[in-house]
Protein backbone atom coordinates (compact mmCIF):
# COMPACT_ATOMS: atom_id res chain seq x y z
CA MET A 1 198.77 101.65 48.86
CA ALA A 2 195.70 99.64 48.93
CA TYR A 3 194.29 97.76 52.48
CA ARG A 4 194.34 93.85 52.41
CA ILE A 5 192.99 91.61 55.11
CA SER A 6 195.32 89.28 56.59
CA GLU A 7 194.89 85.67 57.57
CA ASP A 8 193.89 87.06 60.86
CA CYS A 9 190.25 87.58 59.83
CA ILE A 10 187.71 85.84 61.73
CA SER A 11 185.20 86.94 59.37
CA CYS A 12 182.81 88.77 61.77
CA GLY A 13 181.86 91.24 58.68
CA ALA A 14 182.79 94.54 60.39
CA CYS A 15 185.16 95.86 57.88
CA GLU A 16 182.34 95.19 54.52
CA ALA A 17 179.77 96.98 56.39
CA GLU A 18 182.03 99.77 57.21
CA CYS A 19 183.67 100.19 53.88
CA PRO A 20 182.18 103.09 52.11
CA VAL A 21 183.18 102.14 48.57
CA SER A 22 181.79 98.52 48.58
CA CYS A 23 185.49 97.09 48.00
CA ILE A 24 185.20 94.09 51.02
CA SER A 25 183.63 91.11 50.50
CA GLU A 26 183.47 87.48 51.82
CA GLY A 27 186.22 85.41 50.55
CA ASP A 28 186.87 81.73 51.32
CA GLY A 29 187.49 81.69 54.99
CA LEU A 30 187.64 85.34 55.35
CA PHE A 31 186.98 88.74 53.71
CA VAL A 32 189.04 90.32 50.89
CA ILE A 33 189.60 93.80 49.56
CA ASP A 34 189.64 94.73 45.99
CA ALA A 35 192.42 96.41 45.71
CA ASP A 36 191.64 98.25 42.43
CA SER A 37 188.83 99.98 44.50
CA CYS A 38 190.52 100.58 47.98
CA ILE A 39 190.56 104.23 48.36
CA GLU A 40 192.72 103.67 51.36
CA CYS A 41 190.46 105.36 54.08
CA GLY A 42 191.53 102.78 56.90
CA ALA A 43 187.57 102.72 57.94
CA CYS A 44 187.91 99.02 57.88
CA ALA A 45 191.12 98.72 60.22
CA SER A 46 189.12 101.27 62.68
CA VAL A 47 186.55 98.59 63.31
CA CYS A 48 188.22 95.21 63.04
CA PRO A 49 188.21 93.52 66.43
CA VAL A 50 191.43 92.10 65.51
CA GLY A 51 193.41 94.38 63.10
CA ALA A 52 193.50 92.11 60.26
CA PRO A 53 193.04 94.88 57.60
CA ASN A 54 196.46 96.63 57.15
CA PRO A 55 197.96 98.89 54.38
CA GLU A 56 199.75 96.69 51.56
CA ALA A 57 203.65 97.28 51.56
């Protein structure tokens, strides 16, 4: 199950820099994860200061 970034995102960019497969990009007001490229490693979640990246349910 791929990760997604919630509305809690503060657009700091920490997750984008940490992603080993570069599937995170800046969207309209928050960062977004390409679910097809996400390898579900959780690296983004471990560096996010507000806990915005979460596994999709």
